[in-house]
């Protein structure tokens, strides 16, 4: 089991002492959250894509680790990407295309 940091220890101690109180969101906030969740996961279009076998196997393995169907994992990753919550890291393969060209000296 992972060791708890100071914040986590304080939180656990407060919970065990009964110092934490559960709060429920208002009916308006609950309705807003429910509408957002419904809109997020509303699937009305079908898309077919081709993937390499190794990529599909990796996706299926990751989905198994996450406890969800692989199609749901793919939809979730795409949703996070287009909503800006999943950011692409720069690739070492394309790094040269983002550099400023160097000036060449007269030889």
PDB file of N, CA and C in Angstrom:
ATOM      1  N   UNK A   1       0.839  -1.189   0.000  1.00  0.00           N
ATOM      2  CA  UNK A   1       0.000   0.000   0.000  1.00  0.00           C
ATOM      3  C   UNK A   1       0.880   1.245   0.000  1.00  0.00           C
ATOM      4  N   UNK A   2       0.466   2.224  -0.727  1.00  0.00           N
ATOM      5  CA  UNK A   2       1.189   3.486  -0.860  1.00  0.00           C
ATOM      6  C   UNK A   2       1.195   4.233   0.470  1.00  0.00           C
ATOM      7  N   UNK A   3       2.312   4.888   0.785  1.00  0.00           N
ATOM      8  CA  UNK A   3       2.397   5.694   2.002  1.00  0.00           C
ATOM      9  C   UNK A   3       1.615   6.978   1.808  1.00  0.00           C
ATOM     10  N   UNK A   4       0.962   7.417   2.871  1.00  0.00           N
ATOM     11  CA  UNK A   4       0.168   8.637   2.801  1.00  0.00           C
ATOM     12  C   UNK A   4       1.045   9.854   3.032  1.00  0.00           C
ATOM     13  N   UNK A   5       0.760  10.930   2.277  1.00  0.00           N
ATOM     14  CA  UNK A   5       1.473  12.176   2.521  1.00  0.00           C
ATOM     15  C   UNK A   5       0.783  12.918   3.678  1.00  0.00           C
ATOM     16  N   UNK A   6       1.310  14.049   4.077  1.00  0.00           N
ATOM     17  CA  UNK A   6       0.800  14.789   5.231  1.00  0.00           C
ATOM     18  C   UNK A   6      -0.671  15.162   5.054  1.00  0.00           C
ATOM     19  N   UNK A   7      -1.024  15.668   3.869  1.00  0.00           N
ATOM     20  CA  UNK A   7      -2.412  16.049   3.605  1.00  0.00           C
ATOM     21  C   UNK A   7      -3.340  14.846   3.744  1.00  0.00           C
ATOM     22  N   UNK A   8      -2.945  13.718   3.180  1.00  0.00           N
ATOM     23  CA  UNK A   8      -3.773  12.512   3.241  1.00  0.00           C
ATOM     24  C   UNK A   8      -3.909  12.008   4.676  1.00  0.00           C
ATOM     25  N   UNK A   9      -2.832  12.082   5.462  1.00  0.00           N
ATOM     26  CA  UNK A   9      -2.888  11.673   6.872  1.00  0.00           C
ATOM     27  C   UNK A   9      -3.843  12.576   7.652  1.00  0.00           C
ATOM     28  N   UNK A  10      -3.752  13.887   7.426  1.00  0.00           N
ATOM     29  CA  UNK A  10      -4.647  14.829   8.098  1.00  0.00           C
ATOM     30  C   UNK A  10      -6.099  14.572   7.719  1.00  0.00           C
ATOM     31  N   UNK A  11      -6.339  14.311   6.456  1.00  0.00           N
ATOM     32  CA  UNK A  11      -7.687  14.031   5.974  1.00  0.00           C
ATOM     33  C   UNK A  11      -8.238  12.761   6.606  1.00  0.00           C
ATOM     34  N   UNK A  12      -7.424  11.720   6.668  1.00  0.00           N
ATOM     35  CA  UNK A  12      -7.842  10.459   7.276  1.00  0.00           C
ATOM     36  C   UNK A  12      -8.134  10.641   8.760  1.00  0.00           C
ATOM     37  N   UNK A  13      -7.281  11.382   9.451  1.00  0.00           N
ATOM     38  CA  UNK A  13      -7.496  11.627  10.884  1.00  0.00           C
ATOM     39  C   UNK A  13      -8.808  12.379  11.110  1.00  0.00           C
ATOM     40  N   UNK A  14      -9.068  13.396  10.288  1.00  0.00           N
ATOM     41  CA  UNK A  14     -10.311  14.161  10.416  1.00  0.00           C
ATOM     42  C   UNK A  14     -11.518  13.266  10.152  1.00  0.00           C
ATOM     43  N   UNK A  15     -11.418  12.383   9.183  1.00  0.00           N
ATOM     44  CA  UNK A  15     -12.515  11.459   8.872  1.00  0.00           C
ATOM     45  C   UNK A  15     -12.765  10.525  10.048  1.00  0.00           C
ATOM     46  N   UNK A  16     -11.682   9.965  10.583  1.00  0.00           N
ATOM     47  CA  UNK A  16     -11.822   9.017  11.689  1.00  0.00           C
ATOM     48  C   UNK A  16     -12.373   9.681  12.952  1.00  0.00           C
ATOM     49  N   UNK A  17     -12.137  10.986  13.140  1.00  0.00           N
ATOM     50  CA  UNK A  17     -12.664  11.727  14.296  1.00  0.00           C
ATOM     51  C   UNK A  17     -14.103  12.174  14.061  1.00  0.00           C
ATOM     52  N   UNK A  18     -14.609  11.988  12.847  1.00  0.00           N
ATOM     53  CA  UNK A  18     -15.969  12.402  12.529  1.00  0.00           C
ATOM     54  C   UNK A  18     -16.094  13.894  12.276  1.00  0.00           C
ATOM     55  N   UNK A  19     -14.966  14.534  11.941  1.00  0.00           N
ATOM     56  CA  UNK A  19     -14.971  15.978  11.716  1.00  0.00           C
ATOM     57  C   UNK A  19     -15.443  16.374  10.321  1.00  0.00           C
ATOM     58  N   UNK A  20     -15.559  15.430   9.423  1.00  0.00           N
ATOM     59  CA  UNK A  20     -15.977  15.738   8.053  1.00  0.00           C
ATOM     60  C   UNK A  20     -17.471  15.515   7.916  1.00  0.00           C
ATOM     61  N   UNK A  21     -18.131  16.427   7.233  1.00  0.00           N
ATOM     62  CA  UNK A  21     -19.566  16.326   7.024  1.00  0.00           C
ATOM     63  C   UNK A  21     -19.844  16.173   5.536  1.00  0.00           C
ATOM     64  N   UNK A  22     -20.760  15.301   5.218  1.00  0.00           N
ATOM     65  CA  UNK A  22     -21.171  15.100   3.840  1.00  0.00           C
ATOM     66  C   UNK A  22     -22.143  16.202   3.452  1.00  0.00           C
ATOM     67  N   UNK A  23     -21.951  16.749   2.281  1.00  0.00           N
ATOM     68  CA  UNK A  23     -22.883  17.763   1.787  1.00  0.00           C
ATOM     69  C   UNK A  23     -23.450  17.279   0.466  1.00  0.00           C
ATOM     70  N   UNK A  24     -24.688  17.561   0.257  1.00  0.00           N
ATOM     71  CA  UNK A  24     -25.348  17.182  -0.987  1.00  0.00           C
ATOM     72  C   UNK A  24     -25.496  18.413  -1.858  1.00  0.00           C
ATOM     73  N   UNK A  25     -25.301  18.249  -3.161  1.00  0.00           N
ATOM     74  CA  UNK A  25     -25.509  19.408  -4.044  1.00  0.00           C
ATOM     75  C   UNK A  25     -26.988  19.769  -4.091  1.00  0.00           C
ATOM     76  N   UNK A  26     -27.263  21.023  -4.410  1.00  0.00           N
ATOM     77  CA  UNK A  26     -28.659  21.457  -4.529  1.00  0.00           C
ATOM     78  C   UNK A  26     -29.311  20.714  -5.696  1.00  0.00           C
ATOM     79  N   UNK A  27     -30.623  20.722  -5.702  1.00  0.00           N
ATOM     80  CA  UNK A  27     -31.344  20.051  -6.793  1.00  0.00           C
ATOM     81  C   UNK A  27     -30.995  20.672  -8.141  1.00  0.00           C
ATOM     82  N   UNK A  28     -30.792  22.001  -8.165  1.00  0.00           N
ATOM     83  CA  UNK A  28     -30.442  22.682  -9.415  1.00  0.00           C
ATOM     84  C   UNK A  28     -29.068  22.224  -9.897  1.00  0.00           C
ATOM     85  N   UNK A  29     -28.083  22.154  -8.968  1.00  0.00           N
ATOM     86  CA  UNK A  29     -26.752  21.706  -9.353  1.00  0.00           C
ATOM     87  C   UNK A  29     -26.769  20.247  -9.795  1.00  0.00           C
ATOM     88  N   UNK A  30     -27.522  19.427  -9.087  1.00  0.00           N
ATOM     89  CA  UNK A  30     -27.625  18.014  -9.438  1.00  0.00           C
ATOM     90  C   UNK A  30     -28.215  17.846 -10.836  1.00  0.00           C
ATOM     91  N   UNK A  31     -29.241  18.630 -11.156  1.00  0.00           N
ATOM     92  CA  UNK A  31     -29.852  18.576 -12.487  1.00  0.00           C
ATOM     93  C   UNK A  31     -28.860  19.026 -13.554  1.00  0.00           C
ATOM     94  N   UNK A  32     -28.076  20.059 -13.232  1.00  0.00           N
ATOM     95  CA  UNK A  32     -27.067  20.558 -14.173  1.00  0.00           C
ATOM     96  C   UNK A  32     -26.006  19.488 -14.445  1.00  0.00           C
ATOM     97  N   UNK A  33     -25.523  18.833 -13.384  1.00  0.00           N
ATOM     98  CA  UNK A  33     -24.523  17.777 -13.536  1.00  0.00           C
ATOM     99  C   UNK A  33     -25.074  16.608 -14.346  1.00  0.00           C
ATOM    100  N   UNK A  34     -26.317  16.256 -14.069  1.00  0.00           N
ATOM    101  CA  UNK A  34     -26.946  15.137 -14.781  1.00  0.00           C
ATOM    102  C   UNK A  34     -27.091  15.458 -16.268  1.00  0.00           C
ATOM    103  N   UNK A  35     -27.490  16.678 -16.583  1.00  0.00           N
ATOM    104  CA  UNK A  35     -27.636  17.083 -17.989  1.00  0.00           C
ATOM    105  C   UNK A  35     -26.290  17.074 -18.701  1.00  0.00           C
ATOM    106  N   UNK A  36     -25.246  17.542 -18.017  1.00  0.00           N
ATOM    107  CA  UNK A  36     -23.908  17.548 -18.614  1.00  0.00           C
ATOM    108  C   UNK A  36     -23.424  16.129 -18.871  1.00  0.00           C
ATOM    109  N   UNK A  37     -23.651  15.238 -17.908  1.00  0.00           N
ATOM    110  CA  UNK A  37     -23.237  13.844 -18.073  1.00  0.00           C
ATOM    111  C   UNK A  37     -23.984  13.174 -19.220  1.00  0.00           C
ATOM    112  N   UNK A  38     -25.265  13.439 -19.305  1.00  0.00           N
ATOM    113  CA  UNK A  38     -26.065  12.854 -20.386  1.00  0.00           C
ATOM    114  C   UNK A  38     -25.592  13.349 -21.740  1.00  0.00           C
ATOM    115  N   UNK A  39     -25.353  14.645 -21.857  1.00  0.00           N
ATOM    116  CA  UNK A  39     -24.887  15.213 -23.126  1.00  0.00           C
ATOM    117  C   UNK A  39     -23.510  14.689 -23.498  1.00  0.00           C
ATOM    118  N   UNK A  40     -22.661  14.486 -22.497  1.00  0.00           N
ATOM    119  CA  UNK A  40     -21.303  14.016 -22.751  1.00  0.00           C
ATOM    120  C   UNK A  40     -21.298  12.600 -23.321  1.00  0.00           C
ATOM    121  N   UNK A  41     -22.154  11.769 -22.793  1.00  0.00           N
ATOM    122  CA  UNK A  41     -22.109  10.362 -23.178  1.00  0.00           C
ATOM    123  C   UNK A  41     -23.208   9.956 -24.151  1.00  0.00           C
ATOM    124  N   UNK A  42     -23.912  10.937 -24.698  1.00  0.00           N
ATOM    125  CA  UNK A  42     -24.919  10.655 -25.704  1.00  0.00           C
ATOM    126  C   UNK A  42     -24.221  10.236 -26.987  1.00  0.00           C
ATOM    127  N   UNK A  43     -24.512   9.036 -27.429  1.00  0.00           N
ATOM    128  CA  UNK A  43     -23.861   8.529 -28.626  1.00  0.00           C
ATOM    129  C   UNK A  43     -24.919   8.360 -29.705  1.00  0.00           C
ATOM    130  N   UNK A  44     -24.835   9.214 -30.697  1.00  0.00           N
ATOM    131  CA  UNK A  44     -25.840   9.170 -31.747  1.00  0.00           C
ATOM    132  C   UNK A  44     -25.250   8.885 -33.116  1.00  0.00           C
ATOM    133  N   UNK A  45     -23.940   8.854 -33.223  1.00  0.00           N
ATOM    134  CA  UNK A  45     -23.281   8.608 -34.504  1.00  0.00           C
ATOM    135  C   UNK A  45     -22.340   7.419 -34.392  1.00  0.00           C
ATOM    136  N   UNK A  46     -22.229   6.682 -35.481  1.00  0.00           N
ATOM    137  CA  UNK A  46     -21.320   5.545 -35.539  1.00  0.00           C
ATOM    138  C   UNK A  46     -20.139   5.918 -36.425  1.00  0.00           C
ATOM    139  N   UNK A  47     -18.947   5.533 -35.983  1.00  0.00           N
ATOM    140  CA  UNK A  47     -17.729   5.801 -36.736  1.00  0.00           C
ATOM    141  C   UNK A  47     -16.959   4.492 -36.866  1.00  0.00           C
ATOM    142  N   UNK A  48     -16.483   4.221 -38.050  1.00  0.00           N
ATOM    143  CA  UNK A  48     -15.633   3.046 -38.258  1.00  0.00           C
ATOM    144  C   UNK A  48     -14.212   3.514 -38.527  1.00  0.00           C
ATOM    145  N   UNK A  49     -13.260   2.907 -37.835  1.00  0.00           N
ATOM    146  CA  UNK A  49     -11.857   3.249 -38.051  1.00  0.00           C
ATOM    147  C   UNK A  49     -11.049   1.970 -38.201  1.00  0.00           C
ATOM    148  N   UNK A  50      -9.927   2.088 -38.852  1.00  0.00           N
ATOM    149  CA  UNK A  50      -9.013   0.966 -38.981  1.00  0.00           C
ATOM    150  C   UNK A  50      -7.831   1.221 -38.059  1.00  0.00           C
ATOM    151  N   UNK A  51      -7.468   0.198 -37.290  1.00  0.00           N
ATOM    152  CA  UNK A  51      -6.342   0.266 -36.370  1.00  0.00           C
ATOM    153  C   UNK A  51      -5.406  -0.897 -36.657  1.00  0.00           C
ATOM    154  N   UNK A  52      -4.151  -0.703 -36.354  1.00  0.00           N
ATOM    155  CA  UNK A  52      -3.229  -1.828 -36.476  1.00  0.00           C
ATOM    156  C   UNK A  52      -3.557  -2.833 -35.371  1.00  0.00           C
ATOM    157  N   UNK A  53      -3.264  -4.084 -35.619  1.00  0.00           N
ATOM    158  CA  UNK A  53      -3.536  -5.118 -34.616  1.00  0.00           C
ATOM    159  C   UNK A  53      -2.831  -4.836 -33.293  1.00  0.00           C
ATOM    160  N   UNK A  54      -1.540  -4.450 -33.310  1.00  0.00           N
ATOM    161  CA  UNK A  54      -0.884  -4.157 -32.028  1.00  0.00           C
ATOM    162  C   UNK A  54      -1.547  -3.006 -31.265  1.00  0.00           C
ATOM    163  N   UNK A  55      -1.976  -1.947 -31.989  1.00  0.00           N
ATOM    164  CA  UNK A  55      -2.645  -0.827 -31.315  1.00  0.00           C
ATOM    165  C   UNK A  55      -3.958  -1.284 -30.692  1.00  0.00           C
ATOM    166  N   UNK A  56      -4.733  -2.063 -31.427  1.00  0.00           N
ATOM    167  CA  UNK A  56      -6.006  -2.548 -30.905  1.00  0.00           C
ATOM    168  C   UNK A  56      -5.777  -3.434 -29.683  1.00  0.00           C
ATOM    169  N   UNK A  57      -4.775  -4.281 -29.738  1.00  0.00           N
ATOM    170  CA  UNK A  57      -4.478  -5.153 -28.590  1.00  0.00           C
ATOM    171  C   UNK A  57      -4.083  -4.322 -27.370  1.00  0.00           C
ATOM    172  N   UNK A  58      -3.290  -3.266 -27.588  1.00  0.00           N
ATOM    173  CA  UNK A  58      -2.904  -2.387 -26.480  1.00  0.00           C
ATOM    174  C   UNK A  58      -4.116  -1.656 -25.907  1.00  0.00           C
ATOM    175  N   UNK A  59      -5.003  -1.201 -26.777  1.00  0.00           N
ATOM    176  CA  UNK A  59      -6.220  -0.516 -26.328  1.00  0.00           C
ATOM    177  C   UNK A  59      -7.093  -1.474 -25.524  1.00  0.00           C
ATOM    178  N   UNK A  60      -7.244  -2.693 -26.024  1.00  0.00           N
ATOM    179  CA  UNK A  60      -8.060  -3.678 -25.314  1.00  0.00           C
ATOM    180  C   UNK A  60      -7.461  -4.019 -23.952  1.00  0.00           C
ATOM    181  N   UNK A  61      -6.130  -4.112 -23.882  1.00  0.00           N
ATOM    182  CA  UNK A  61      -5.468  -4.401 -22.607  1.00  0.00           C
ATOM    183  C   UNK A  61      -5.673  -3.248 -21.629  1.00  0.00           C
ATOM    184  N   UNK A  62      -5.528  -2.012 -22.116  1.00  0.00           N
ATOM    185  CA  UNK A  62      -5.724  -0.842 -21.251  1.00  0.00           C
ATOM    186  C   UNK A  62      -7.172  -0.782 -20.771  1.00  0.00           C
ATOM    187  N   UNK A  63      -8.113  -1.075 -21.661  1.00  0.00           N
ATOM    188  CA  UNK A  63      -9.530  -1.056 -21.286  1.00  0.00           C
ATOM    189  C   UNK A  63      -9.810  -2.108 -20.214  1.00  0.00           C
ATOM    190  N   UNK A  64      -9.192  -3.262 -20.344  1.00  0.00           N
ATOM    191  CA  UNK A  64      -9.351  -4.316 -19.349  1.00  0.00           C
ATOM    192  C   UNK A  64      -8.827  -3.844 -17.999  1.00  0.00           C
ATOM    193  N   UNK A  65      -7.676  -3.161 -18.002  1.00  0.00           N
ATOM    194  CA  UNK A  65      -7.117  -2.604 -16.759  1.00  0.00           C
ATOM    195  C   UNK A  65      -8.070  -1.590 -16.133  1.00  0.00           C
ATOM    196  N   UNK A  66      -8.732  -0.803 -16.991  1.00  0.00           N
ATOM    197  CA  UNK A  66      -9.644   0.238 -16.511  1.00  0.00           C
ATOM    198  C   UNK A  66     -11.023  -0.309 -16.175  1.00  0.00           C
ATOM    199  N   UNK A  67     -11.299  -1.556 -16.576  1.00  0.00           N
ATOM    200  CA  UNK A  67     -12.591  -2.169 -16.286  1.00  0.00           C
ATOM    201  C   UNK A  67     -13.721  -1.646 -17.150  1.00  0.00           C
ATOM    202  N   UNK A  68     -13.424  -1.396 -18.423  1.00  0.00           N
ATOM    203  CA  UNK A  68     -14.458  -0.889 -19.327  1.00  0.00           C
ATOM    204  C   UNK A  68     -14.286  -1.516 -20.707  1.00  0.00           C
ATOM    205  N   UNK A  69     -15.344  -1.513 -21.516  1.00  0.00           N
ATOM    206  CA  UNK A  69     -15.202  -1.996 -22.894  1.00  0.00           C
ATOM    207  C   UNK A  69     -14.227  -1.115 -23.673  1.00  0.00           C
ATOM    208  N   UNK A  70     -13.514  -1.722 -24.623  1.00  0.00           N
ATOM    209  CA  UNK A  70     -12.500  -0.948 -25.344  1.00  0.00           C
ATOM    210  C   UNK A  70     -13.111   0.165 -26.185  1.00  0.00           C
ATOM    211  N   UNK A  71     -14.340  -0.037 -26.702  1.00  0.00           N
ATOM    212  CA  UNK A  71     -14.976   1.025 -27.477  1.00  0.00           C
ATOM    213  C   UNK A  71     -15.257   2.241 -26.592  1.00  0.00           C
ATOM    214  N   UNK A  72     -15.618   1.999 -25.330  1.00  0.00           N
ATOM    215  CA  UNK A  72     -15.876   3.084 -24.387  1.00  0.00           C
ATOM    216  C   UNK A  72     -14.584   3.837 -24.089  1.00  0.00           C
ATOM    217  N   UNK A  73     -13.489   3.103 -23.955  1.00  0.00           N
ATOM    218  CA  UNK A  73     -12.191   3.738 -23.715  1.00  0.00           C
ATOM    219  C   UNK A  73     -11.813   4.634 -24.896  1.00  0.00           C
ATOM    220  N   UNK A  74     -11.983   4.132 -26.107  1.00  0.00           N
ATOM    221  CA  UNK A  74     -11.657   4.926 -27.300  1.00  0.00           C
ATOM    222  C   UNK A  74     -12.506   6.198 -27.331  1.00  0.00           C
ATOM    223  N   UNK A  75     -13.817   6.064 -27.082  1.00  0.00           N
ATOM    224  CA  UNK A  75     -14.708   7.231 -27.088  1.00  0.00           C
ATOM    225  C   UNK A  75     -14.308   8.219 -25.998  1.00  0.00           C
ATOM    226  N   UNK A  76     -13.919   7.709 -24.836  1.00  0.00           N
ATOM    227  CA  UNK A  76     -13.513   8.573 -23.727  1.00  0.00           C
ATOM    228  C   UNK A  76     -12.237   9.344 -24.053  1.00  0.00           C
ATOM    229  N   UNK A  77     -11.266   8.670 -24.628  1.00  0.00           N
ATOM    230  CA  UNK A  77     -10.005   9.329 -24.990  1.00  0.00           C
ATOM    231  C   UNK A  77     -10.258  10.408 -26.045  1.00  0.00           C
ATOM    232  N   UNK A  78     -11.056  10.096 -27.038  1.00  0.00           N
ATOM    233  CA  UNK A  78     -11.365  11.085 -28.073  1.00  0.00           C
ATOM    234  C   UNK A  78     -12.114  12.277 -27.481  1.00  0.00           C
ATOM    235  N   UNK A  79     -13.060  12.014 -26.590  1.00  0.00           N
ATOM    236  CA  UNK A  79     -13.805  13.107 -25.967  1.00  0.00           C
ATOM    237  C   UNK A  79     -12.870  14.005 -25.154  1.00  0.00           C
ATOM    238  N   UNK A  80     -11.991  13.403 -24.367  1.00  0.00           N
ATOM    239  CA  UNK A  80     -11.052  14.196 -23.564  1.00  0.00           C
ATOM    240  C   UNK A  80     -10.132  15.018 -24.454  1.00  0.00           C
ATOM    241  N   UNK A  81      -9.701  14.452 -25.572  1.00  0.00           N
ATOM    242  CA  UNK A  81      -8.815  15.177 -26.479  1.00  0.00           C
ATOM    243  C   UNK A  81      -9.510  16.386 -27.085  1.00  0.00           C
ATOM    244  N   UNK A  82     -10.706  16.182 -27.631  1.00  0.00           N
ATOM    245  CA  UNK A  82     -11.381  17.300 -28.295  1.00  0.00           C
ATOM    246  C   UNK A  82     -11.895  18.351 -27.322  1.00  0.00           C
ATOM    247  N   UNK A  83     -12.094  17.967 -26.041  1.00  0.00           N
ATOM    248  CA  UNK A  83     -12.547  18.950 -25.056  1.00  0.00           C
ATOM    249  C   UNK A  83     -11.369  19.626 -24.350  1.00  0.00           C
ATOM    250  N   UNK A  84     -10.133  19.279 -24.743  1.00  0.00           N
ATOM    251  CA  UNK A  84      -8.962  19.947 -24.209  1.00  0.00           C
ATOM    252  C   UNK A  84      -8.451  19.387 -22.895  1.00  0.00           C
ATOM    253  N   UNK A  85      -9.027  18.284 -22.420  1.00  0.00           N
ATOM    254  CA  UNK A  85      -8.572  17.705 -21.157  1.00  0.00           C
ATOM    255  C   UNK A  85      -7.468  16.672 -21.350  1.00  0.00           C
ATOM    256  N   UNK A  86      -7.177  16.338 -22.583  1.00  0.00           N
ATOM    257  CA  UNK A  86      -6.090  15.420 -22.903  1.00  0.00           C
ATOM    258  C   UNK A  86      -5.203  16.146 -23.900  1.00  0.00           C
ATOM    259  N   UNK A  87      -3.957  16.338 -23.536  1.00  0.00           N
ATOM    260  CA  UNK A  87      -3.060  17.151 -24.340  1.00  0.00           C
ATOM    261  C   UNK A  87      -1.981  16.269 -24.954  1.00  0.00           C
ATOM    262  N   UNK A  88      -1.711  16.482 -26.221  1.00  0.00           N
ATOM    263  CA  UNK A  88      -0.694  15.721 -26.927  1.00  0.00           C
ATOM    264  C   UNK A  88       0.689  16.263 -26.580  1.00  0.00           C
ATOM    265  N   UNK A  89       1.586  15.367 -26.214  1.00  0.00           N
ATOM    266  CA  UNK A  89       2.958  15.765 -25.938  1.00  0.00           C
ATOM    267  C   UNK A  89       3.730  15.859 -27.246  1.00  0.00           C
ATOM    268  N   UNK A  90       4.707  16.746 -27.326  1.00  0.00           N
ATOM    269  CA  UNK A  90       5.502  16.841 -28.549  1.00  0.00           C
ATOM    270  C   UNK A  90       6.226  15.526 -28.814  1.00  0.00           C
ATOM    271  N   UNK A  91       6.290  15.153 -30.053  1.00  0.00           N
ATOM    272  CA  UNK A  91       6.963  13.923 -30.441  1.00  0.00           C
ATOM    273  C   UNK A  91       8.419  14.208 -30.756  1.00  0.00           C
ATOM    274  N   UNK A  92       9.280  13.286 -30.376  1.00  0.00           N
ATOM    275  CA  UNK A  92      10.698  13.447 -30.712  1.00  0.00           C
ATOM    276  C   UNK A  92      10.908  13.285 -32.214  1.00  0.00           C
ATOM    277  N   UNK A  93       9.954  12.656 -32.886  1.00  0.00           N
ATOM    278  CA  UNK A  93      10.073  12.454 -34.329  1.00  0.00           C
ATOM    279  C   UNK A  93       9.792  13.733 -35.104  1.00  0.00           C
ATOM    280  N   UNK A  94       8.985  14.623 -34.528  1.00  0.00           N
ATOM    281  CA  UNK A  94       8.626  15.853 -35.243  1.00  0.00           C
ATOM    282  C   UNK A  94       9.301  17.077 -34.652  1.00  0.00           C
ATOM    283  N   UNK A  95      10.196  16.874 -33.714  1.00  0.00           N
ATOM    284  CA  UNK A  95      10.840  18.001 -33.042  1.00  0.00           C
ATOM    285  C   UNK A  95      11.551  18.906 -34.037  1.00  0.00           C
ATOM    286  N   UNK A  96      12.171  18.313 -35.061  1.00  0.00           N
ATOM    287  CA  UNK A  96      12.919  19.127 -36.018  1.00  0.00           C
ATOM    288  C   UNK A  96      12.030  20.103 -36.775  1.00  0.00           C
ATOM    289  N   UNK A  97      10.750  19.782 -36.933  1.00  0.00           N
ATOM    290  CA  UNK A  97       9.865  20.657 -37.701  1.00  0.00           C
ATOM    291  C   UNK A  97       9.423  21.877 -36.903  1.00  0.00           C
ATOM    292  N   UNK A  98       9.629  21.871 -35.571  1.00  0.00           N
ATOM    293  CA  UNK A  98       9.196  23.003 -34.764  1.00  0.00           C
ATOM    294  C   UNK A  98      10.349  23.910 -34.378  1.00  0.00           C
ATOM    295  N   UNK A  99      11.555  23.565 -34.754  1.00  0.00           N
ATOM    296  CA  UNK A  99      12.721  24.391 -34.432  1.00  0.00           C
ATOM    297  C   UNK A  99      12.836  25.569 -35.374  1.00  0.00           C
ATOM    298  N   UNK A 100      13.464  26.613 -34.896  1.00  0.00           N
ATOM    299  CA  UNK A 100      13.758  27.767 -35.731  1.00  0.00           C
ATOM    300  C   UNK A 100      14.953  27.410 -36.616  1.00  0.00           C
ATOM    301  N   UNK A 101      14.870  27.677 -37.907  1.00  0.00           N
ATOM    302  CA  UNK A 101      15.995  27.339 -38.772  1.00  0.00           C
ATOM    303  C   UNK A 101      17.263  28.074 -38.330  1.00  0.00           C
ATOM    304  N   UNK A 102      18.385  27.374 -38.381  1.00  0.00           N
ATOM    305  CA  UNK A 102      19.656  27.978 -38.004  1.00  0.00           C
ATOM    306  C   UNK A 102      20.278  28.640 -39.215  1.00  0.00           C
ATOM    307  N   UNK A 103      20.923  29.781 -38.975  1.00  0.00           N
ATOM    308  CA  UNK A 103      21.598  30.484 -40.072  1.00  0.00           C
ATOM    309  C   UNK A 103      22.908  29.791 -40.369  1.00  0.00           C
ATOM    310  N   UNK A 104      23.235  29.734 -41.617  1.00  0.00           N
ATOM    311  CA  UNK A 104      24.501  29.134 -42.030  1.00  0.00           C
ATOM    312  C   UNK A 104      25.525  30.228 -42.234  1.00  0.00           C
ATOM    313  N   UNK A 105      26.716  29.989 -41.753  1.00  0.00           N
ATOM    314  CA  UNK A 105      27.782  30.971 -41.920  1.00  0.00           C
ATOM    315  C   UNK A 105      28.395  30.893 -43.315  1.00  0.00           C
ATOM    316  N   UNK A 106      28.984  31.974 -43.736  1.00  0.00           N
ATOM    317  CA  UNK A 106      29.653  31.968 -45.036  1.00  0.00           C
ATOM    318  C   UNK A 106      30.930  31.174 -44.903  1.00  0.00           C
ATOM    319  N   UNK A 107      31.137  30.223 -45.773  1.00  0.00           N
ATOM    320  CA  UNK A 107      32.228  29.303 -45.676  1.00  0.00           C
ATOM    321  C   UNK A 107      33.412  29.724 -46.306  1.00  0.00           C
TER     322      UNK A 107
END
